[in-house]
C-alpha atoms as a PDB file:
ATOM      1  CA  UNK A   1       0.920 -13.547  -2.113  1.00  0.00           C
ATOM      2  CA  UNK A   2       2.659 -13.639   1.274  1.00  0.00           C
ATOM      3  CA  UNK A   3       0.774 -11.162   3.495  1.00  0.00           C
ATOM      4  CA  UNK A   4       3.629 -11.191   6.040  1.00  0.00           C
ATOM      5  CA  UNK A   5       6.041 -10.133   3.301  1.00  0.00           C
ATOM      6  CA  UNK A   6       3.693  -7.319   2.309  1.00  0.00           C
ATOM      7  CA  UNK A   7       3.560  -6.007   5.888  1.00  0.00           C
ATOM      8  CA  UNK A   8       7.320  -6.276   6.334  1.00  0.00           C
ATOM      9  CA  UNK A   9       7.898  -4.303   3.153  1.00  0.00           C
ATOM     10  CA  UNK A  10       5.866  -1.411   4.631  1.00  0.00           C
ATOM     11  CA  UNK A  11       4.731  -0.464   1.127  1.00  0.00           C
ATOM     12  CA  UNK A  12       1.355   0.222  -0.421  1.00  0.00           C
ATOM     13  CA  UNK A  13      -0.164  -2.822  -2.091  1.00  0.00           C
ATOM     14  CA  UNK A  14      -1.423  -2.682  -5.687  1.00  0.00           C
ATOM     15  CA  UNK A  15      -3.271  -5.288  -7.713  1.00  0.00           C
ATOM     16  CA  UNK A  16      -3.811  -5.974 -11.402  1.00  0.00           C
ATOM     17  CA  UNK A  17      -6.105  -8.608 -12.864  1.00  0.00           C
ATOM     18  CA  UNK A  18      -5.843 -10.420 -16.167  1.00  0.00           C
ATOM     19  CA  UNK A  19      -8.178 -13.030 -17.590  1.00  0.00           C
ATOM     20  CA  UNK A  20      -6.460 -16.010 -15.951  1.00  0.00           C
ATOM     21  CA  UNK A  21      -4.268 -14.482 -13.263  1.00  0.00           C
ATOM     22  CA  UNK A  22      -3.754 -11.478 -11.017  1.00  0.00           C
ATOM     23  CA  UNK A  23      -0.581  -9.922  -9.600  1.00  0.00           C
ATOM     24  CA  UNK A  24       0.008  -7.968  -6.384  1.00  0.00           C
ATOM     25  CA  UNK A  25       2.898  -5.533  -6.400  1.00  0.00           C
ATOM     26  CA  UNK A  26       4.447  -2.408  -4.916  1.00  0.00           C
ATOM     27  CA  UNK A  27       5.838   0.631  -6.725  1.00  0.00           C
ATOM     28  CA  UNK A  28       9.498   1.438  -7.228  1.00  0.00           C
ATOM     29  CA  UNK A  29      11.202   3.601  -4.630  1.00  0.00           C
ATOM     30  CA  UNK A  30      12.544   6.923  -5.954  1.00  0.00           C
ATOM     31  CA  UNK A  31      16.077   5.500  -5.930  1.00  0.00           C
ATOM     32  CA  UNK A  32      14.969   2.423  -7.856  1.00  0.00           C
ATOM     33  CA  UNK A  33      12.970   4.517 -10.298  1.00  0.00           C
ATOM     34  CA  UNK A  34      15.924   6.823 -11.016  1.00  0.00           C
ATOM     35  CA  UNK A  35      18.073   3.836 -11.907  1.00  0.00           C
ATOM     36  CA  UNK A  36      15.513   2.243 -14.232  1.00  0.00           C
ATOM     37  CA  UNK A  37      14.707   5.620 -15.749  1.00  0.00           C
ATOM     38  CA  UNK A  38      18.385   6.224 -16.592  1.00  0.00           C
ATOM     39  CA  UNK A  39      18.587   2.801 -18.203  1.00  0.00           C
ATOM     40  CA  UNK A  40      15.399   3.486 -20.155  1.00  0.00           C
ATOM     41  CA  UNK A  41      16.613   6.866 -21.428  1.00  0.00           C
ATOM     42  CA  UNK A  42      20.093   5.622 -22.250  1.00  0.00           C
ATOM     43  CA  UNK A  43      18.758   3.073 -24.726  1.00  0.00           C
ATOM     44  CA  UNK A  44      21.362   0.612 -23.450  1.00  0.00           C
ATOM     45  CA  UNK A  45      18.747  -1.658 -21.907  1.00  0.00           C
ATOM     46  CA  UNK A  46      16.176  -3.672 -23.781  1.00  0.00           C
ATOM     47  CA  UNK A  47      12.756  -2.212 -22.987  1.00  0.00           C
ATOM     48  CA  UNK A  48      11.030  -5.551 -22.411  1.00  0.00           C
ATOM     49  CA  UNK A  49      13.878  -6.862 -20.250  1.00  0.00           C
ATOM     50  CA  UNK A  50      13.708  -3.692 -18.185  1.00  0.00           C
ATOM     51  CA  UNK A  51       9.991  -4.088 -17.547  1.00  0.00           C
ATOM     52  CA  UNK A  52      10.521  -7.736 -16.633  1.00  0.00           C
ATOM     53  CA  UNK A  53      13.178  -6.755 -14.071  1.00  0.00           C
ATOM     54  CA  UNK A  54      10.839  -4.099 -12.655  1.00  0.00           C
ATOM     55  CA  UNK A  55       8.192  -6.786 -12.258  1.00  0.00           C
ATOM     56  CA  UNK A  56      10.645  -9.212 -10.610  1.00  0.00           C
ATOM     57  CA  UNK A  57      11.668  -6.536  -8.113  1.00  0.00           C
ATOM     58  CA  UNK A  58       8.177  -5.324  -7.174  1.00  0.00           C
ATOM     59  CA  UNK A  59       6.067  -8.477  -7.462  1.00  0.00           C
ATOM     60  CA  UNK A  60       4.695  -9.756  -4.127  1.00  0.00           C
ATOM     61  CA  UNK A  61       5.176 -13.390  -4.860  1.00  0.00           C
ATOM     62  CA  UNK A  62       7.785 -15.908  -5.886  1.00  0.00           C
ATOM     63  CA  UNK A  63       8.704 -15.102  -9.467  1.00  0.00           C
ATOM     64  CA  UNK A  64      10.381 -18.439 -10.091  1.00  0.00           C
ATOM     65  CA  UNK A  65       7.130 -20.234  -9.273  1.00  0.00           C
ATOM     66  CA  UNK A  66       5.427 -18.677 -12.270  1.00  0.00           C
ATOM     67  CA  UNK A  67       5.315 -21.488 -14.856  1.00  0.00           C
ATOM     68  CA  UNK A  68       7.805 -21.071 -17.679  1.00  0.00           C
ATOM     69  CA  UNK A  69       4.961 -21.785 -20.076  1.00  0.00           C
ATOM     70  CA  UNK A  70       3.093 -18.730 -18.791  1.00  0.00           C
ATOM     71  CA  UNK A  71       2.981 -16.008 -21.481  1.00  0.00           C
ATOM     72  CA  UNK A  72       5.263 -13.019 -20.873  1.00  0.00           C
ATOM     73  CA  UNK A  73       2.662 -10.494 -22.012  1.00  0.00           C
ATOM     74  CA  UNK A  74       0.971  -9.925 -18.611  1.00  0.00           C
ATOM     75  CA  UNK A  75       4.364  -9.803 -16.850  1.00  0.00           C
ATOM     76  CA  UNK A  76       5.775  -7.186 -19.240  1.00  0.00           C
ATOM     77  CA  UNK A  77       2.529  -5.201 -19.113  1.00  0.00           C
ATOM     78  CA  UNK A  78       2.549  -5.205 -15.298  1.00  0.00           C
ATOM     79  CA  UNK A  79       6.226  -4.197 -15.195  1.00  0.00           C
ATOM     80  CA  UNK A  80       5.530  -1.311 -17.570  1.00  0.00           C
ATOM     81  CA  UNK A  81       2.563  -0.226 -15.439  1.00  0.00           C
ATOM     82  CA  UNK A  82       4.718  -0.287 -12.294  1.00  0.00           C
ATOM     83  CA  UNK A  83       7.410   1.786 -14.024  1.00  0.00           C
ATOM     84  CA  UNK A  84       5.029   4.506 -15.192  1.00  0.00           C
ATOM     85  CA  UNK A  85       3.115   4.615 -11.901  1.00  0.00           C
ATOM     86  CA  UNK A  86       6.343   5.010  -9.920  1.00  0.00           C
ATOM     87  CA  UNK A  87       7.481   8.354 -11.300  1.00  0.00           C
ATOM     88  CA  UNK A  88       6.228  11.480 -13.033  1.00  0.00           C
ATOM     89  CA  UNK A  89       7.222  11.500 -16.676  1.00  0.00           C
ATOM     90  CA  UNK A  90       7.417  15.312 -16.937  1.00  0.00           C
ATOM     91  CA  UNK A  91       7.066  18.490 -14.871  1.00  0.00           C
ATOM     92  CA  UNK A  92       3.406  18.928 -15.796  1.00  0.00           C
ATOM     93  CA  UNK A  93       2.572  15.425 -14.598  1.00  0.00           C
ATOM     94  CA  UNK A  94       4.403  16.209 -11.358  1.00  0.00           C
ATOM     95  CA  UNK A  95       2.015  19.121 -10.756  1.00  0.00           C
ATOM     96  CA  UNK A  96      -1.001  16.896 -11.390  1.00  0.00           C
ATOM     97  CA  UNK A  97       0.398  14.274  -9.006  1.00  0.00           C
ATOM     98  CA  UNK A  98       0.846  16.897  -6.276  1.00  0.00           C
ATOM     99  CA  UNK A  99      -2.718  18.158  -6.797  1.00  0.00           C
ATOM    100  CA  UNK A 100      -4.074  14.615  -6.610  1.00  0.00           C
ATOM    101  CA  UNK A 101      -2.148  13.885  -3.422  1.00  0.00           C
ATOM    102  CA  UNK A 102      -3.468  17.089  -1.837  1.00  0.00           C
ATOM    103  CA  UNK A 103      -6.983  15.788  -2.385  1.00  0.00           C
ATOM    104  CA  UNK A 104      -6.060  12.564  -0.582  1.00  0.00           C
ATOM    105  CA  UNK A 105      -4.360  14.383   2.302  1.00  0.00           C
ATOM    106  CA  UNK A 106      -6.114  17.761   2.803  1.00  0.00           C
ATOM    107  CA  UNK A 107      -4.139  20.050   5.094  1.00  0.00           C
ATOM    108  CA  UNK A 108      -7.179  20.968   7.186  1.00  0.00           C
ATOM    109  CA  UNK A 109      -8.144  17.381   8.052  1.00  0.00           C
ATOM    110  CA  UNK A 110      -7.891  16.176  11.656  1.00  0.00           C
ATOM    111  CA  UNK A 111      -5.563  13.323  10.687  1.00  0.00           C
ATOM    112  CA  UNK A 112      -3.102  15.582   8.871  1.00  0.00           C
ATOM    113  CA  UNK A 113      -3.180  18.052  11.769  1.00  0.00           C
ATOM    114  CA  UNK A 114      -2.411  15.267  14.237  1.00  0.00           C
ATOM    115  CA  UNK A 115       0.382  13.873  12.080  1.00  0.00           C
ATOM    116  CA  UNK A 116       1.974  17.317  11.644  1.00  0.00           C
ATOM    117  CA  UNK A 117       1.819  17.977  15.407  1.00  0.00           C
ATOM    118  CA  UNK A 118       3.559  14.659  16.163  1.00  0.00           C
ATOM    119  CA  UNK A 119       6.344  15.233  13.632  1.00  0.00           C
ATOM    120  CA  UNK A 120       6.844  18.823  14.827  1.00  0.00           C
ATOM    121  CA  UNK A 121       7.034  17.916  18.501  1.00  0.00           C
ATOM    122  CA  UNK A 122       8.911  14.615  18.109  1.00  0.00           C
ATOM    123  CA  UNK A 123      11.222  15.004  15.072  1.00  0.00           C
ATOM    124  CA  UNK A 124      12.605  11.477  15.327  1.00  0.00           C
ATOM    125  CA  UNK A 125       9.238  10.163  14.123  1.00  0.00           C
ATOM    126  CA  UNK A 126       9.025   9.739  10.363  1.00  0.00           C
ATOM    127  CA  UNK A 127       5.940   9.363   8.195  1.00  0.00           C
ATOM    128  CA  UNK A 128       6.678   5.653   7.970  1.00  0.00           C
ATOM    129  CA  UNK A 129       6.881   5.382  11.762  1.00  0.00           C
ATOM    130  CA  UNK A 130       3.491   7.071  12.129  1.00  0.00           C
ATOM    131  CA  UNK A 131       1.857   4.901   9.464  1.00  0.00           C
ATOM    132  CA  UNK A 132       2.958   1.812  11.386  1.00  0.00           C
ATOM    133  CA  UNK A 133       1.400   2.918  14.683  1.00  0.00           C
ATOM    134  CA  UNK A 134      -1.943   1.478  15.636  1.00  0.00           C
ATOM    135  CA  UNK A 135      -4.744   3.959  16.281  1.00  0.00           C
ATOM    136  CA  UNK A 136      -4.383   4.017  20.069  1.00  0.00           C
ATOM    137  CA  UNK A 137      -0.617   4.588  19.813  1.00  0.00           C
ATOM    138  CA  UNK A 138      -1.239   7.333  17.263  1.00  0.00           C
ATOM    139  CA  UNK A 139      -3.673   9.151  19.583  1.00  0.00           C
ATOM    140  CA  UNK A 140      -1.317   8.746  22.548  1.00  0.00           C
ATOM    141  CA  UNK A 141       1.600  10.208  20.568  1.00  0.00           C
ATOM    142  CA  UNK A 142      -0.577  13.105  19.451  1.00  0.00           C
ATOM    143  CA  UNK A 143      -1.625  14.007  23.006  1.00  0.00           C
ATOM    144  CA  UNK A 144       1.999  13.801  24.214  1.00  0.00           C
ATOM    145  CA  UNK A 145       3.063  15.982  21.280  1.00  0.00           C
ATOM    146  CA  UNK A 146       0.378  18.542  22.220  1.00  0.00           C
ATOM    147  CA  UNK A 147       1.713  18.566  25.793  1.00  0.00           C
ATOM    148  CA  UNK A 148       5.249  19.180  24.541  1.00  0.00           C
ATOM    149  CA  UNK A 149       4.263  22.010  22.214  1.00  0.00           C
ATOM    150  CA  UNK A 150       1.985  23.676  24.785  1.00  0.00           C
ATOM    151  CA  UNK A 151       4.975  23.913  27.155  1.00  0.00           C
ATOM    152  CA  UNK A 152       7.568  24.972  24.576  1.00  0.00           C
ATOM    153  CA  UNK A 153       5.481  27.236  22.343  1.00  0.00           C
ATOM    154  CA  UNK A 154       3.202  29.788  24.065  1.00  0.00           C
ATOM    155  CA  UNK A 155       1.354  30.408  20.776  1.00  0.00           C
ATOM    156  CA  UNK A 156       0.424  26.755  20.285  1.00  0.00           C
ATOM    157  CA  UNK A 157      -3.279  25.953  20.525  1.00  0.00           C
ATOM    158  CA  UNK A 158      -4.556  22.476  21.287  1.00  0.00           C
ATOM    159  CA  UNK A 159      -7.107  20.899  18.992  1.00  0.00           C
ATOM    160  CA  UNK A 160     -10.495  22.377  19.929  1.00  0.00           C
ATOM    161  CA  UNK A 161     -12.470  19.167  20.408  1.00  0.00           C
ATOM    162  CA  UNK A 162     -15.648  20.966  21.490  1.00  0.00           C
ATOM    163  CA  UNK A 163     -15.728  23.132  18.375  1.00  0.00           C
ATOM    164  CA  UNK A 164     -15.110  20.147  16.099  1.00  0.00           C
ATOM    165  CA  UNK A 165     -17.769  18.092  17.915  1.00  0.00           C
ATOM    166  CA  UNK A 166     -20.362  20.827  17.426  1.00  0.00           C
ATOM    167  CA  UNK A 167     -19.530  21.097  13.713  1.00  0.00           C
ATOM    168  CA  UNK A 168     -19.761  17.343  13.256  1.00  0.00           C
ATOM    169  CA  UNK A 169     -22.984  16.842  15.206  1.00  0.00           C
ATOM    170  CA  UNK A 170     -24.723  20.126  14.440  1.00  0.00           C
ATOM    171  CA  UNK A 171     -25.219  20.874  18.153  1.00  0.00           C
ATOM    172  CA  UNK A 172     -26.304  24.538  18.465  1.00  0.00           C
ATOM    173  CA  UNK A 173     -24.460  26.970  20.657  1.00  0.00           C
ATOM    174  CA  UNK A 174     -25.474  26.966  24.289  1.00  0.00           C
ATOM    175  CA  UNK A 175     -28.142  29.483  25.252  1.00  0.00           C
ATOM    176  CA  UNK A 176     -27.303  32.157  27.828  1.00  0.00           C
ATOM    177  CA  UNK A 177     -27.893  30.880  31.358  1.00  0.00           C
ATOM    178  CA  UNK A 178     -29.803  32.973  33.890  1.00  0.00           C
ATOM    179  CA  UNK A 179     -27.658  33.031  37.031  1.00  0.00           C
ATOM    180  CA  UNK A 180     -29.194  31.993  40.355  1.00  0.00           C
ATOM    181  CA  UNK A 181     -28.937  35.472  41.865  1.00  0.00           C
ATOM    182  CA  UNK A 182     -30.712  36.954  38.834  1.00  0.00           C
ATOM    183  CA  UNK A 183     -33.521  34.387  39.200  1.00  0.00           C
ATOM    184  CA  UNK A 184     -33.994  35.317  42.867  1.00  0.00           C
ATOM    185  CA  UNK A 185     -34.157  39.007  42.018  1.00  0.00           C
ATOM    186  CA  UNK A 186     -36.711  38.363  39.287  1.00  0.00           C
ATOM    187  CA  UNK A 187     -38.859  36.256  41.631  1.00  0.00           C
ATOM    188  CA  UNK A 188     -38.824  39.033  44.236  1.00  0.00           C
ATOM    189  CA  UNK A 189     -39.463  41.778  41.715  1.00  0.00           C
ATOM    190  CA  UNK A 190     -42.153  40.105  39.608  1.00  0.00           C
ATOM    191  CA  UNK A 191     -44.034  38.289  42.365  1.00  0.00           C
ATOM    192  CA  UNK A 192     -47.033  36.607  40.753  1.00  0.00           C
ATOM    193  CA  UNK A 193     -45.165  35.809  37.523  1.00  0.00           C
ATOM    194  CA  UNK A 194     -43.984  32.275  37.132  1.00  0.00           C
ATOM    195  CA  UNK A 195     -40.223  32.090  37.013  1.00  0.00           C
ATOM    196  CA  UNK A 196     -40.425  30.117  33.718  1.00  0.00           C
ATOM    197  CA  UNK A 197     -42.260  33.039  32.130  1.00  0.00           C
ATOM    198  CA  UNK A 198     -39.660  35.472  33.413  1.00  0.00           C
ATOM    199  CA  UNK A 199     -36.868  33.345  31.959  1.00  0.00           C
ATOM    200  CA  UNK A 200     -38.660  33.137  28.621  1.00  0.00           C
ATOM    201  CA  UNK A 201     -39.076  36.894  28.566  1.00  0.00           C
ATOM    202  CA  UNK A 202     -35.433  37.323  29.459  1.00  0.00           C
ATOM    203  CA  UNK A 203     -34.409  35.087  26.561  1.00  0.00           C
ATOM    204  CA  UNK A 204     -36.722  36.670  23.993  1.00  0.00           C
ATOM    205  CA  UNK A 205     -36.258  40.347  24.761  1.00  0.00           C
ATOM    206  CA  UNK A 206     -32.892  40.286  26.566  1.00  0.00           C
ATOM    207  CA  UNK A 207     -34.191  42.480  29.403  1.00  0.00           C
ATOM    208  CA  UNK A 208     -31.520  43.550  31.834  1.00  0.00           C
ATOM    209  CA  UNK A 209     -33.034  45.291  34.866  1.00  0.00           C
ATOM    210  CA  UNK A 210     -31.056  47.724  36.987  1.00  0.00           C
ATOM    211  CA  UNK A 211     -31.380  47.872  40.766  1.00  0.00           C
ATOM    212  CA  UNK A 212     -33.385  51.101  40.420  1.00  0.00           C
ATOM    213  CA  UNK A 213     -35.857  49.453  38.015  1.00  0.00           C
ATOM    214  CA  UNK A 214     -36.292  46.496  40.322  1.00  0.00           C
ATOM    215  CA  UNK A 215     -36.888  48.830  43.288  1.00  0.00           C
ATOM    216  CA  UNK A 216     -39.491  50.672  41.280  1.00  0.00           C
ATOM    217  CA  UNK A 217     -41.334  47.378  40.605  1.00  0.00           C
ATOM    218  CA  UNK A 218     -41.404  46.573  44.328  1.00  0.00           C
ATOM    219  CA  UNK A 219     -43.502  49.709  45.097  1.00  0.00           C
END
């Protein structure tokens, strides 16, 4: 297998193992699948020859280097596997394929949100373009896309990093903070009480003292 060829193809890599050999391959594109499917349904093309041609097209390797003495069984089997993996055979299977893909790419995931924001803000980017970005480029594009949408769409909300962080780490919500002026008033009003005790009481019972109540305590 030529790893450079695999990367240049920009396709997902698949692998199948037999007892004495293994093959790496890609799937047919929709255009390629439609052609082979028409040939299959027409009956004008020998089934085994069709699967061999599918293998020759999708195999990540040099087909002519496979020894002529090598049995055709694994090649035909792999070609058949590629054919059936490349397209849904009926409408029901199409529904199952969509459901399976939704599990792999849930709409509420951070990655899918980021990808959708980039494509929305910068339409020239395709899914293939995004998949070929490295992680730092992907994050940079996402932030730029957020900037674009925040200026062009008043209803757009940036990703709430703080909320996501708290969900991921389990950090509790921040406790109410006693403002400095409130602390000074409590110190003056309560005198001998330690300020820590006053704060604890404030937190536990949520006491809010009016100016009249504080004046009454001063007497």
